[in-house]
Amino acid sequence: MKKHTNRKHERINSLNLLNYTCVDRKSEETIQGMGRTLNVSQGGILLETHVPMYAHYSVALSIGLEDEMIDIKGQVIYCREATKGKYESGIEFKEINETSLRILNKYIAAFREHQKKA
């Protein structure tokens, strides 16, 4: 039986390094660092970091997808401790420019095509 989810977009497993900056409700930078994606879709990512993020944070992301960089703004939806010293945060994309969206869609399409051949 397929598990029901509320996701609009299928997520693909993907390990990519990224830089993030979190901003609180007062528009003040609270956390900045490096993390990695665990999975990605057209609507969001699952992000692994060494510090927790809070659901009210906005986050600016710079993600390396193969040879290209994309910049996306999102909202932290949830955060959970995964293993000691590592946290997983669900990030919903809120602002993505046309060029970054095109690159993201190209990356997802290439991944799906690779999966079909495997």
PDB file of N, CA and C in Angstrom:
ATOM      1  N   MET A   1       0.839  -1.169   0.000  1.00  0.00           N
ATOM      2  CA  MET A   1       0.000   0.000   0.000  1.00  0.00           C
ATOM      3  C   MET A   1       0.889   1.239   0.000  1.00  0.00           C
ATOM      4  N   LYS A   2       0.542   2.188  -0.838  1.00  0.00           N
ATOM      5  CA  LYS A   2       1.325   3.421  -0.932  1.00  0.00           C
ATOM      6  C   LYS A   2       0.974   4.349   0.217  1.00  0.00           C
ATOM      7  N   LYS A   3       1.987   4.904   0.849  1.00  0.00           N
ATOM      8  CA  LYS A   3       1.800   5.817   1.965  1.00  0.00           C
ATOM      9  C   LYS A   3       1.264   7.159   1.458  1.00  0.00           C
ATOM     10  N   HIS A   4       0.237   7.698   2.116  1.00  0.00           N
ATOM     11  CA  HIS A   4      -0.348   8.981   1.736  1.00  0.00           C
ATOM     12  C   HIS A   4       0.512  10.128   2.255  1.00  0.00           C
ATOM     13  N   THR A   5       0.763  11.094   1.385  1.00  0.00           N
ATOM     14  CA  THR A   5       1.483  12.293   1.797  1.00  0.00           C
ATOM     15  C   THR A   5       0.735  13.512   1.283  1.00  0.00           C
ATOM     16  N   ASN A   6       1.033  14.664   1.856  1.00  0.00           N
ATOM     17  CA  ASN A   6       0.426  15.919   1.424  1.00  0.00           C
ATOM     18  C   ASN A   6       1.298  16.646   0.413  1.00  0.00           C
ATOM     19  N   ARG A   7       2.326  16.026  -0.093  1.00  0.00           N
ATOM     20  CA  ARG A   7       3.262  16.680  -1.000  1.00  0.00           C
ATOM     21  C   ARG A   7       2.645  16.837  -2.388  1.00  0.00           C
ATOM     22  N   LYS A   8       2.898  18.001  -2.977  1.00  0.00           N
ATOM     23  CA  LYS A   8       2.453  18.264  -4.340  1.00  0.00           C
ATOM     24  C   LYS A   8       3.428  17.683  -5.352  1.00  0.00           C
ATOM     25  N   HIS A   9       4.709  17.593  -4.982  1.00  0.00           N
ATOM     26  CA  HIS A   9       5.763  17.184  -5.909  1.00  0.00           C
ATOM     27  C   HIS A   9       6.502  15.974  -5.365  1.00  0.00           C
ATOM     28  N   GLU A  10       6.845  15.061  -6.268  1.00  0.00           N
ATOM     29  CA  GLU A  10       7.645  13.893  -5.897  1.00  0.00           C
ATOM     30  C   GLU A  10       9.048  14.346  -5.508  1.00  0.00           C
ATOM     31  N   ARG A  11       9.582  13.765  -4.446  1.00  0.00           N
ATOM     32  CA  ARG A  11      10.943  14.097  -4.011  1.00  0.00           C
ATOM     33  C   ARG A  11      11.908  13.042  -4.522  1.00  0.00           C
ATOM     34  N   ILE A  12      13.097  13.507  -4.873  1.00  0.00           N
ATOM     35  CA  ILE A  12      14.149  12.586  -5.295  1.00  0.00           C
ATOM     36  C   ILE A  12      15.284  12.656  -4.286  1.00  0.00           C
ATOM     37  N   ASN A  13      15.880  11.509  -3.996  1.00  0.00           N
ATOM     38  CA  ASN A  13      17.030  11.491  -3.092  1.00  0.00           C
ATOM     39  C   ASN A  13      18.192  12.185  -3.788  1.00  0.00           C
ATOM     40  N   SER A  14      18.805  13.102  -3.069  1.00  0.00           N
ATOM     41  CA  SER A  14      19.848  13.910  -3.677  1.00  0.00           C
ATOM     42  C   SER A  14      20.744  14.480  -2.598  1.00  0.00           C
ATOM     43  N   LEU A  15      22.045  14.249  -2.712  1.00  0.00           N
ATOM     44  CA  LEU A  15      23.007  14.802  -1.762  1.00  0.00           C
ATOM     45  C   LEU A  15      23.787  15.917  -2.444  1.00  0.00           C
ATOM     46  N   ASN A  16      23.471  17.149  -2.047  1.00  0.00           N
ATOM     47  CA  ASN A  16      24.130  18.327  -2.606  1.00  0.00           C
ATOM     48  C   ASN A  16      24.492  19.263  -1.465  1.00  0.00           C
ATOM     49  N   LEU A  17      25.687  19.826  -1.537  1.00  0.00           N
ATOM     50  CA  LEU A  17      26.083  20.811  -0.532  1.00  0.00           C
ATOM     51  C   LEU A  17      25.375  22.126  -0.786  1.00  0.00           C
ATOM     52  N   LEU A  18      25.132  22.850   0.299  1.00  0.00           N
ATOM     53  CA  LEU A  18      24.508  24.156   0.171  1.00  0.00           C
ATOM     54  C   LEU A  18      24.935  25.073   1.298  1.00  0.00           C
ATOM     55  N   ASN A  19      24.725  26.348   1.074  1.00  0.00           N
ATOM     56  CA  ASN A  19      24.950  27.382   2.071  1.00  0.00           C
ATOM     57  C   ASN A  19      23.576  27.920   2.453  1.00  0.00           C
ATOM     58  N   TYR A  20      23.363  28.157   3.741  1.00  0.00           N
ATOM     59  CA  TYR A  20      22.069  28.679   4.162  1.00  0.00           C
ATOM     60  C   TYR A  20      22.239  29.838   5.139  1.00  0.00           C
ATOM     61  N   THR A  21      21.248  30.719   5.130  1.00  0.00           N
ATOM     62  CA  THR A  21      21.157  31.811   6.090  1.00  0.00           C
ATOM     63  C   THR A  21      19.715  31.863   6.571  1.00  0.00           C
ATOM     64  N   CYS A  22      19.516  31.754   7.884  1.00  0.00           N
ATOM     65  CA  CYS A  22      18.175  31.824   8.468  1.00  0.00           C
ATOM     66  C   CYS A  22      17.904  33.233   8.985  1.00  0.00           C
ATOM     67  N   VAL A  23      16.659  33.661   8.810  1.00  0.00           N
ATOM     68  CA  VAL A  23      16.218  34.980   9.252  1.00  0.00           C
ATOM     69  C   VAL A  23      14.980  34.781  10.121  1.00  0.00           C
ATOM     70  N   ASP A  24      14.937  35.456  11.286  1.00  0.00           N
ATOM     71  CA  ASP A  24      13.790  35.308  12.174  1.00  0.00           C
ATOM     72  C   ASP A  24      12.665  36.280  11.792  1.00  0.00           C
ATOM     73  N   ARG A  25      11.604  36.299  12.589  1.00  0.00           N
ATOM     74  CA  ARG A  25      10.442  37.148  12.314  1.00  0.00           C
ATOM     75  C   ARG A  25      10.770  38.634  12.349  1.00  0.00           C
ATOM     76  N   LYS A  26      11.861  39.000  13.006  1.00  0.00           N
ATOM     77  CA  LYS A  26      12.282  40.401  13.082  1.00  0.00           C
ATOM     78  C   LYS A  26      13.230  40.761  11.938  1.00  0.00           C
ATOM     79  N   SER A  27      13.364  39.851  10.974  1.00  0.00           N
ATOM     80  CA  SER A  27      14.262  40.024   9.814  1.00  0.00           C
ATOM     81  C   SER A  27      15.728  40.108  10.211  1.00  0.00           C
ATOM     82  N   GLU A  28      16.081  39.459  11.321  1.00  0.00           N
ATOM     83  CA  GLU A  28      17.473  39.417  11.773  1.00  0.00           C
ATOM     84  C   GLU A  28      18.076  38.053  11.455  1.00  0.00           C
ATOM     85  N   GLU A  29      19.318  38.070  10.928  1.00  0.00           N
ATOM     86  CA  GLU A  29      20.017  36.813  10.674  1.00  0.00           C
ATOM     87  C   GLU A  29      20.260  36.107  11.996  1.00  0.00           C
ATOM     88  N   THR A  30      19.917  34.829  12.056  1.00  0.00           N
ATOM     89  CA  THR A  30      20.093  34.076  13.290  1.00  0.00           C
ATOM     90  C   THR A  30      21.119  32.959  13.156  1.00  0.00           C
ATOM     91  N   ILE A  31      21.120  32.290  12.017  1.00  0.00           N
ATOM     92  CA  ILE A  31      22.024  31.160  11.794  1.00  0.00           C
ATOM     93  C   ILE A  31      22.536  31.234  10.360  1.00  0.00           C
ATOM     94  N   GLN A  32      23.805  30.914  10.196  1.00  0.00           N
ATOM     95  CA  GLN A  32      24.367  30.816   8.854  1.00  0.00           C
ATOM     96  C   GLN A  32      25.309  29.626   8.864  1.00  0.00           C
ATOM     97  N   GLY A  33      25.303  28.845   7.790  1.00  0.00           N
ATOM     98  CA  GLY A  33      26.195  27.706   7.761  1.00  0.00           C
ATOM     99  C   GLY A  33      26.088  26.902   6.488  1.00  0.00           C
ATOM    100  N   MET A  34      26.681  25.715   6.553  1.00  0.00           N
ATOM    101  CA  MET A  34      26.666  24.768   5.441  1.00  0.00           C
ATOM    102  C   MET A  34      25.825  23.563   5.840  1.00  0.00           C
ATOM    103  N   GLY A  35      25.190  22.983   4.857  1.00  0.00           N
ATOM    104  CA  GLY A  35      24.406  21.780   5.069  1.00  0.00           C
ATOM    105  C   GLY A  35      24.409  20.975   3.787  1.00  0.00           C
ATOM    106  N   ARG A  36      23.523  19.977   3.743  1.00  0.00           N
ATOM    107  CA  ARG A  36      23.379  19.208   2.513  1.00  0.00           C
ATOM    108  C   ARG A  36      21.933  18.792   2.344  1.00  0.00           C
ATOM    109  N   THR A  37      21.548  18.670   1.098  1.00  0.00           N
ATOM    110  CA  THR A  37      20.205  18.197   0.814  1.00  0.00           C
ATOM    111  C   THR A  37      20.183  16.686   0.989  1.00  0.00           C
ATOM    112  N   LEU A  38      19.066  16.174   1.468  1.00  0.00           N
ATOM    113  CA  LEU A  38      18.854  14.724   1.513  1.00  0.00           C
ATOM    114  C   LEU A  38      17.899  14.308   0.404  1.00  0.00           C
ATOM    115  N   ASN A  39      16.937  15.191   0.113  1.00  0.00           N
ATOM    116  CA  ASN A  39      16.083  14.998  -1.051  1.00  0.00           C
ATOM    117  C   ASN A  39      15.590  16.353  -1.513  1.00  0.00           C
ATOM    118  N   VAL A  40      15.115  16.391  -2.753  1.00  0.00           N
ATOM    119  CA  VAL A  40      14.715  17.654  -3.365  1.00  0.00           C
ATOM    120  C   VAL A  40      13.506  17.427  -4.269  1.00  0.00           C
ATOM    121  N   SER A  41      12.661  18.444  -4.383  1.00  0.00           N
ATOM    122  CA  SER A  41      11.542  18.435  -5.320  1.00  0.00           C
ATOM    123  C   SER A  41      11.383  19.841  -5.858  1.00  0.00           C
ATOM    124  N   GLN A  42      10.399  20.033  -6.710  1.00  0.00           N
ATOM    125  CA  GLN A  42      10.126  21.365  -7.232  1.00  0.00           C
ATOM    126  C   GLN A  42       9.578  22.288  -6.148  1.00  0.00           C
ATOM    127  N   GLY A  43       9.093  21.721  -5.061  1.00  0.00           N
ATOM    128  CA  GLY A  43       8.477  22.531  -4.013  1.00  0.00           C
ATOM    129  C   GLY A  43       9.268  22.675  -2.734  1.00  0.00           C
ATOM    130  N   GLY A  44      10.368  21.897  -2.577  1.00  0.00           N
ATOM    131  CA  GLY A  44      11.121  21.999  -1.334  1.00  0.00           C
ATOM    132  C   GLY A  44      12.251  20.998  -1.234  1.00  0.00           C
ATOM    133  N   ILE A  45      12.899  21.017  -0.066  1.00  0.00           N
ATOM    134  CA  ILE A  45      14.012  20.092   0.182  1.00  0.00           C
ATOM    135  C   ILE A  45      13.949  19.591   1.624  1.00  0.00           C
ATOM    136  N   LEU A  46      14.619  18.481   1.845  1.00  0.00           N
ATOM    137  CA  LEU A  46      14.923  18.025   3.188  1.00  0.00           C
ATOM    138  C   LEU A  46      16.398  18.342   3.385  1.00  0.00           C
ATOM    139  N   LEU A  47      16.692  19.171   4.374  1.00  0.00           N
ATOM    140  CA  LEU A  47      18.019  19.720   4.609  1.00  0.00           C
ATOM    141  C   LEU A  47      18.620  19.127   5.874  1.00  0.00           C
ATOM    142  N   GLU A  48      19.868  18.673   5.800  1.00  0.00           N
ATOM    143  CA  GLU A  48      20.591  18.168   6.968  1.00  0.00           C
ATOM    144  C   GLU A  48      21.612  19.217   7.409  1.00  0.00           C
ATOM    145  N   THR A  49      21.565  19.565   8.702  1.00  0.00           N
ATOM    146  CA  THR A  49      22.491  20.541   9.278  1.00  0.00           C
ATOM    147  C   THR A  49      22.995  20.031  10.625  1.00  0.00           C
ATOM    148  N   HIS A  50      23.953  20.755  11.189  1.00  0.00           N
ATOM    149  CA  HIS A  50      24.472  20.416  12.516  1.00  0.00           C
ATOM    150  C   HIS A  50      23.806  21.239  13.614  1.00  0.00           C
ATOM    151  N   VAL A  51      22.889  22.132  13.235  1.00  0.00           N
ATOM    152  CA  VAL A  51      22.158  22.952  14.203  1.00  0.00           C
ATOM    153  C   VAL A  51      20.673  22.886  13.879  1.00  0.00           C
ATOM    154  N   PRO A  52      19.816  22.989  14.888  1.00  0.00           N
ATOM    155  CA  PRO A  52      18.375  22.992  14.606  1.00  0.00           C
ATOM    156  C   PRO A  52      17.924  24.315  14.006  1.00  0.00           C
ATOM    157  N   MET A  53      16.879  24.237  13.213  1.00  0.00           N
ATOM    158  CA  MET A  53      16.237  25.428  12.647  1.00  0.00           C
ATOM    159  C   MET A  53      14.814  25.471  13.195  1.00  0.00           C
ATOM    160  N   TYR A  54      14.275  26.660  13.332  1.00  0.00           N
ATOM    161  CA  TYR A  54      12.940  26.789  13.903  1.00  0.00           C
ATOM    162  C   TYR A  54      11.918  27.093  12.821  1.00  0.00           C
ATOM    163  N   ALA A  55      10.703  26.583  13.014  1.00  0.00           N
ATOM    164  CA  ALA A  55       9.667  26.641  11.989  1.00  0.00           C
ATOM    165  C   ALA A  55       9.305  28.055  11.568  1.00  0.00           C
ATOM    166  N   HIS A  56       9.563  29.039  12.371  1.00  0.00           N
ATOM    167  CA  HIS A  56       9.211  30.407  11.968  1.00  0.00           C
ATOM    168  C   HIS A  56      10.329  31.086  11.168  1.00  0.00           C
ATOM    169  N   TYR A  57      11.436  30.398  10.952  1.00  0.00           N
ATOM    170  CA  TYR A  57      12.547  30.987  10.212  1.00  0.00           C
ATOM    171  C   TYR A  57      12.273  30.988   8.706  1.00  0.00           C
ATOM    172  N   SER A  58      12.673  32.077   8.068  1.00  0.00           N
ATOM    173  CA  SER A  58      12.812  32.104   6.618  1.00  0.00           C
ATOM    174  C   SER A  58      14.254  31.717   6.352  1.00  0.00           C
ATOM    175  N   VAL A  59      14.499  31.142   5.198  1.00  0.00           N
ATOM    176  CA  VAL A  59      15.856  30.680   4.915  1.00  0.00           C
ATOM    177  C   VAL A  59      16.216  30.979   3.459  1.00  0.00           C
ATOM    178  N   ALA A  60      17.420  31.514   3.272  1.00  0.00           N
ATOM    179  CA  ALA A  60      17.966  31.736   1.937  1.00  0.00           C
ATOM    180  C   ALA A  60      18.966  30.621   1.674  1.00  0.00           C
ATOM    181  N   LEU A  61      18.814  29.948   0.543  1.00  0.00           N
ATOM    182  CA  LEU A  61      19.638  28.794   0.205  1.00  0.00           C
ATOM    183  C   LEU A  61      20.413  29.047  -1.078  1.00  0.00           C
ATOM    184  N   SER A  62      21.661  28.640  -1.109  1.00  0.00           N
ATOM    185  CA  SER A  62      22.465  28.575  -2.334  1.00  0.00           C
ATOM    186  C   SER A  62      22.876  27.122  -2.477  1.00  0.00           C
ATOM    187  N   ILE A  63      22.332  26.461  -3.509  1.00  0.00           N
ATOM    188  CA  ILE A  63      22.502  25.017  -3.664  1.00  0.00           C
ATOM    189  C   ILE A  63      23.320  24.732  -4.920  1.00  0.00           C
ATOM    190  N   GLY A  64      24.309  23.855  -4.782  1.00  0.00           N
ATOM    191  CA  GLY A  64      25.085  23.407  -5.936  1.00  0.00           C
ATOM    192  C   GLY A  64      24.434  22.168  -6.525  1.00  0.00           C
ATOM    193  N   LEU A  65      23.938  22.292  -7.760  1.00  0.00           N
ATOM    194  CA  LEU A  65      23.362  21.153  -8.479  1.00  0.00           C
ATOM    195  C   LEU A  65      24.270  20.861  -9.668  1.00  0.00           C
ATOM    196  N   GLU A  66      25.034  19.806  -9.537  1.00  0.00           N
ATOM    197  CA  GLU A  66      26.061  19.453 -10.512  1.00  0.00           C
ATOM    198  C   GLU A  66      26.984  20.650 -10.713  1.00  0.00           C
ATOM    199  N   ASP A  67      27.029  21.253 -11.905  1.00  0.00           N
ATOM    200  CA  ASP A  67      27.958  22.356 -12.171  1.00  0.00           C
ATOM    201  C   ASP A  67      27.319  23.732 -12.032  1.00  0.00           C
ATOM    202  N   GLU A  68      26.105  23.808 -11.512  1.00  0.00           N
ATOM    203  CA  GLU A  68      25.395  25.077 -11.453  1.00  0.00           C
ATOM    204  C   GLU A  68      24.946  25.387 -10.024  1.00  0.00           C
ATOM    205  N   MET A  69      24.831  26.681  -9.734  1.00  0.00           N
ATOM    206  CA  MET A  69      24.351  27.141  -8.429  1.00  0.00           C
ATOM    207  C   MET A  69      22.977  27.761  -8.598  1.00  0.00           C
ATOM    208  N   ILE A  70      22.086  27.491  -7.639  1.00  0.00           N
ATOM    209  CA  ILE A  70      20.781  28.142  -7.642  1.00  0.00           C
ATOM    210  C   ILE A  70      20.557  28.794  -6.283  1.00  0.00           C
ATOM    211  N   ASP A  71      19.829  29.898  -6.303  1.00  0.00           N
ATOM    212  CA  ASP A  71      19.470  30.615  -5.078  1.00  0.00           C
ATOM    213  C   ASP A  71      17.958  30.554  -4.911  1.00  0.00           C
ATOM    214  N   ILE A  72      17.532  30.144  -3.708  1.00  0.00           N
ATOM    215  CA  ILE A  72      16.112  29.969  -3.422  1.00  0.00           C
ATOM    216  C   ILE A  72      15.837  30.489  -2.014  1.00  0.00           C
ATOM    217  N   LYS A  73      14.682  31.094  -1.830  1.00  0.00           N
ATOM    218  CA  LYS A  73      14.226  31.471  -0.491  1.00  0.00           C
ATOM    219  C   LYS A  73      13.087  30.538  -0.115  1.00  0.00           C
ATOM    220  N   GLY A  74      13.079  30.142   1.169  1.00  0.00           N
ATOM    221  CA  GLY A  74      12.071  29.211   1.623  1.00  0.00           C
ATOM    222  C   GLY A  74      11.667  29.460   3.057  1.00  0.00           C
ATOM    223  N   GLN A  75      10.834  28.564   3.558  1.00  0.00           N
ATOM    224  CA  GLN A  75      10.304  28.623   4.920  1.00  0.00           C
ATOM    225  C   GLN A  75      10.565  27.276   5.580  1.00  0.00           C
ATOM    226  N   VAL A  76      11.106  27.300   6.797  1.00  0.00           N
ATOM    227  CA  VAL A  76      11.290  26.056   7.546  1.00  0.00           C
ATOM    228  C   VAL A  76       9.911  25.597   8.012  1.00  0.00           C
ATOM    229  N   ILE A  77       9.520  24.398   7.615  1.00  0.00           N
ATOM    230  CA  ILE A  77       8.215  23.843   7.984  1.00  0.00           C
ATOM    231  C   ILE A  77       8.327  23.025   9.264  1.00  0.00           C
ATOM    232  N   TYR A  78       9.401  22.252   9.383  1.00  0.00           N
ATOM    233  CA  TYR A  78       9.637  21.461  10.598  1.00  0.00           C
ATOM    234  C   TYR A  78      11.121  21.176  10.724  1.00  0.00           C
ATOM    235  N   CYS A  79      11.524  20.784  11.925  1.00  0.00           N
ATOM    236  CA  CYS A  79      12.900  20.370  12.187  1.00  0.00           C
ATOM    237  C   CYS A  79      12.848  19.235  13.205  1.00  0.00           C
ATOM    238  N   ARG A  80      13.670  18.215  12.981  1.00  0.00           N
ATOM    239  CA  ARG A  80      13.748  17.088  13.918  1.00  0.00           C
ATOM    240  C   ARG A  80      15.200  16.666  14.070  1.00  0.00           C
ATOM    241  N   GLU A  81      15.533  16.150  15.249  1.00  0.00           N
ATOM    242  CA  GLU A  81      16.874  15.611  15.447  1.00  0.00           C
ATOM    243  C   GLU A  81      16.917  14.244  14.783  1.00  0.00           C
ATOM    244  N   ALA A  82      17.867  14.049  13.889  1.00  0.00           N
ATOM    245  CA  ALA A  82      17.971  12.791  13.149  1.00  0.00           C
ATOM    246  C   ALA A  82      18.886  11.825  13.871  1.00  0.00           C
ATOM    247  N   THR A  83      20.094  12.254  14.120  1.00  0.00           N
ATOM    248  CA  THR A  83      21.066  11.500  14.895  1.00  0.00           C
ATOM    249  C   THR A  83      21.762  12.512  15.791  1.00  0.00           C
ATOM    250  N   LYS A  84      22.520  12.029  16.722  1.00  0.00           N
ATOM    251  CA  LYS A  84      23.190  12.948  17.638  1.00  0.00           C
ATOM    252  C   LYS A  84      24.043  13.948  16.853  1.00  0.00           C
ATOM    253  N   GLY A  85      23.718  15.211  17.014  1.00  0.00           N
ATOM    254  CA  GLY A  85      24.484  16.257  16.360  1.00  0.00           C
ATOM    255  C   GLY A  85      24.057  16.588  14.945  1.00  0.00           C
ATOM    256  N   LYS A  86      22.997  15.941  14.430  1.00  0.00           N
ATOM    257  CA  LYS A  86      22.499  16.230  13.085  1.00  0.00           C
ATOM    258  C   LYS A  86      20.988  16.433  13.128  1.00  0.00           C
ATOM    259  N   TYR A  87      20.551  17.424  12.368  1.00  0.00           N
ATOM    260  CA  TYR A  87      19.131  17.778  12.323  1.00  0.00           C
ATOM    261  C   TYR A  87      18.646  17.764  10.888  1.00  0.00           C
ATOM    262  N   GLU A  88      17.379  17.393  10.702  1.00  0.00           N
ATOM    263  CA  GLU A  88      16.745  17.404   9.392  1.00  0.00           C
ATOM    264  C   GLU A  88      15.614  18.418   9.424  1.00  0.00           C
ATOM    265  N   SER A  89      15.627  19.327   8.455  1.00  0.00           N
ATOM    266  CA  SER A  89      14.604  20.363   8.362  1.00  0.00           C
ATOM    267  C   SER A  89      13.904  20.282   7.014  1.00  0.00           C
ATOM    268  N   GLY A  90      12.593  20.305   7.054  1.00  0.00           N
ATOM    269  CA  GLY A  90      11.801  20.368   5.835  1.00  0.00           C
ATOM    270  C   GLY A  90      11.655  21.826   5.435  1.00  0.00           C
ATOM    271  N   ILE A  91      12.094  22.158   4.234  1.00  0.00           N
ATOM    272  CA  ILE A  91      12.062  23.531   3.732  1.00  0.00           C
ATOM    273  C   ILE A  91      11.106  23.601   2.548  1.00  0.00           C
ATOM    274  N   GLU A  92      10.119  24.492   2.633  1.00  0.00           N
ATOM    275  CA  GLU A  92       9.208  24.734   1.512  1.00  0.00           C
ATOM    276  C   GLU A  92       9.702  25.956   0.752  1.00  0.00           C
ATOM    277  N   PHE A  93       9.858  25.817  -0.569  1.00  0.00           N
ATOM    278  CA  PHE A  93      10.306  26.938  -1.380  1.00  0.00           C
ATOM    279  C   PHE A  93       9.218  28.002  -1.441  1.00  0.00           C
ATOM    280  N   LYS A  94       9.622  29.261  -1.278  1.00  0.00           N
ATOM    281  CA  LYS A  94       8.695  30.391  -1.346  1.00  0.00           C
ATOM    282  C   LYS A  94       9.023  31.336  -2.491  1.00  0.00           C
ATOM    283  N   GLU A  95      10.312  31.552  -2.751  1.00  0.00           N
ATOM    284  CA  GLU A  95      10.750  32.439  -3.829  1.00  0.00           C
ATOM    285  C   GLU A  95      11.866  31.767  -4.603  1.00  0.00           C
ATOM    286  N   ILE A  96      11.639  31.627  -5.904  1.00  0.00           N
ATOM    287  CA  ILE A  96      12.663  31.051  -6.777  1.00  0.00           C
ATOM    288  C   ILE A  96      12.582  31.773  -8.116  1.00  0.00           C
ATOM    289  N   ASN A  97      13.714  32.296  -8.582  1.00  0.00           N
ATOM    290  CA  ASN A  97      13.678  33.016  -9.853  1.00  0.00           C
ATOM    291  C   ASN A  97      13.577  32.031 -11.013  1.00  0.00           C
ATOM    292  N   GLU A  98      13.258  32.550 -12.172  1.00  0.00           N
ATOM    293  CA  GLU A  98      13.004  31.722 -13.347  1.00  0.00           C
ATOM    294  C   GLU A  98      14.216  30.883 -13.740  1.00  0.00           C
ATOM    295  N   THR A  99      15.402  31.462 -13.677  1.00  0.00           N
ATOM    296  CA  THR A  99      16.621  30.734 -14.037  1.00  0.00           C
ATOM    297  C   THR A  99      16.872  29.584 -13.067  1.00  0.00           C
ATOM    298  N   SER A 100      16.745  29.845 -11.759  1.00  0.00           N
ATOM    299  CA  SER A 100      16.955  28.787 -10.761  1.00  0.00           C
ATOM    300  C   SER A 100      15.921  27.680 -10.911  1.00  0.00           C
ATOM    301  N   LEU A 101      14.668  28.041 -11.200  1.00  0.00           N
ATOM    302  CA  LEU A 101      13.621  27.040 -11.391  1.00  0.00           C
ATOM    303  C   LEU A 101      13.916  26.183 -12.616  1.00  0.00           C
ATOM    304  N   ARG A 102      14.399  26.784 -13.686  1.00  0.00           N
ATOM    305  CA  ARG A 102      14.743  26.038 -14.891  1.00  0.00           C
ATOM    306  C   ARG A 102      15.863  25.028 -14.591  1.00  0.00           C
ATOM    307  N   ILE A 103      16.889  25.469 -13.863  1.00  0.00           N
ATOM    308  CA  ILE A 103      18.014  24.586 -13.510  1.00  0.00           C
ATOM    309  C   ILE A 103      17.525  23.446 -12.614  1.00  0.00           C
ATOM    310  N   LEU A 104      16.697  23.771 -11.616  1.00  0.00           N
ATOM    311  CA  LEU A 104      16.156  22.743 -10.715  1.00  0.00           C
ATOM    312  C   LEU A 104      15.345  21.719 -11.499  1.00  0.00           C
ATOM    313  N   ASN A 105      14.470  22.173 -12.380  1.00  0.00           N
ATOM    314  CA  ASN A 105      13.651  21.255 -13.181  1.00  0.00           C
ATOM    315  C   ASN A 105      14.512  20.379 -14.081  1.00  0.00           C
ATOM    316  N   LYS A 106      15.577  20.963 -14.658  1.00  0.00           N
ATOM    317  CA  LYS A 106      16.496  20.197 -15.510  1.00  0.00           C
ATOM    318  C   LYS A 106      17.194  19.113 -14.684  1.00  0.00           C
ATOM    319  N   TYR A 107      17.613  19.465 -13.475  1.00  0.00           N
ATOM    320  CA  TYR A 107      18.280  18.517 -12.589  1.00  0.00           C
ATOM    321  C   TYR A 107      17.342  17.356 -12.221  1.00  0.00           C
ATOM    322  N   ILE A 108      16.106  17.693 -11.857  1.00  0.00           N
ATOM    323  CA  ILE A 108      15.132  16.662 -11.476  1.00  0.00           C
ATOM    324  C   ILE A 108      14.825  15.750 -12.666  1.00  0.00           C
ATOM    325  N   ALA A 109      14.631  16.323 -13.838  1.00  0.00           N
ATOM    326  CA  ALA A 109      14.352  15.528 -15.041  1.00  0.00           C
ATOM    327  C   ALA A 109      15.510  14.589 -15.368  1.00  0.00           C
ATOM    328  N   ALA A 110      16.744  15.082 -15.258  1.00  0.00           N
ATOM    329  CA  ALA A 110      17.915  14.238 -15.526  1.00  0.00           C
ATOM    330  C   ALA A 110      17.998  13.099 -14.523  1.00  0.00           C
ATOM    331  N   PHE A 111      17.697  13.374 -13.262  1.00  0.00           N
ATOM    332  CA  PHE A 111      17.725  12.336 -12.236  1.00  0.00           C
ATOM    333  C   PHE A 111      16.678  11.262 -12.540  1.00  0.00           C
ATOM    334  N   ARG A 112      15.472  11.685 -12.888  1.00  0.00           N
ATOM    335  CA  ARG A 112      14.409  10.713 -13.210  1.00  0.00           C
ATOM    336  C   ARG A 112      14.795   9.863 -14.409  1.00  0.00           C
ATOM    337  N   GLU A 113      15.370  10.474 -15.426  1.00  0.00           N
ATOM    338  CA  GLU A 113      15.799   9.737 -16.614  1.00  0.00           C
ATOM    339  C   GLU A 113      16.873   8.715 -16.243  1.00  0.00           C
ATOM    340  N   HIS A 114      17.801   9.087 -15.401  1.00  0.00           N
ATOM    341  CA  HIS A 114      18.841   8.174 -14.928  1.00  0.00           C
ATOM    342  C   HIS A 114      18.218   7.004 -14.162  1.00  0.00           C
ATOM    343  N   GLN A 115      17.212   7.281 -13.328  1.00  0.00           N
ATOM    344  CA  GLN A 115      16.555   6.231 -12.562  1.00  0.00           C
ATOM    345  C   GLN A 115      15.837   5.230 -13.466  1.00  0.00           C
ATOM    346  N   LYS A 116      15.246   5.698 -14.552  1.00  0.00           N
ATOM    347  CA  LYS A 116      14.557   4.814 -15.498  1.00  0.00           C
ATOM    348  C   LYS A 116      15.522   3.831 -16.141  1.00  0.00           C
ATOM    349  N   LYS A 117      16.760   4.309 -16.398  1.00  0.00           N
ATOM    350  CA  LYS A 117      17.772   3.477 -17.064  1.00  0.00           C
ATOM    351  C   LYS A 117      18.426   2.499 -16.095  1.00  0.00           C
ATOM    352  N   ALA A 118      18.389   2.802 -14.817  1.00  0.00           N
ATOM    353  CA  ALA A 118      19.063   1.968 -13.816  1.00  0.00           C
ATOM    354  C   ALA A 118      18.314   0.682 -13.537  1.00  0.00           C
TER     355      ALA A 118
END
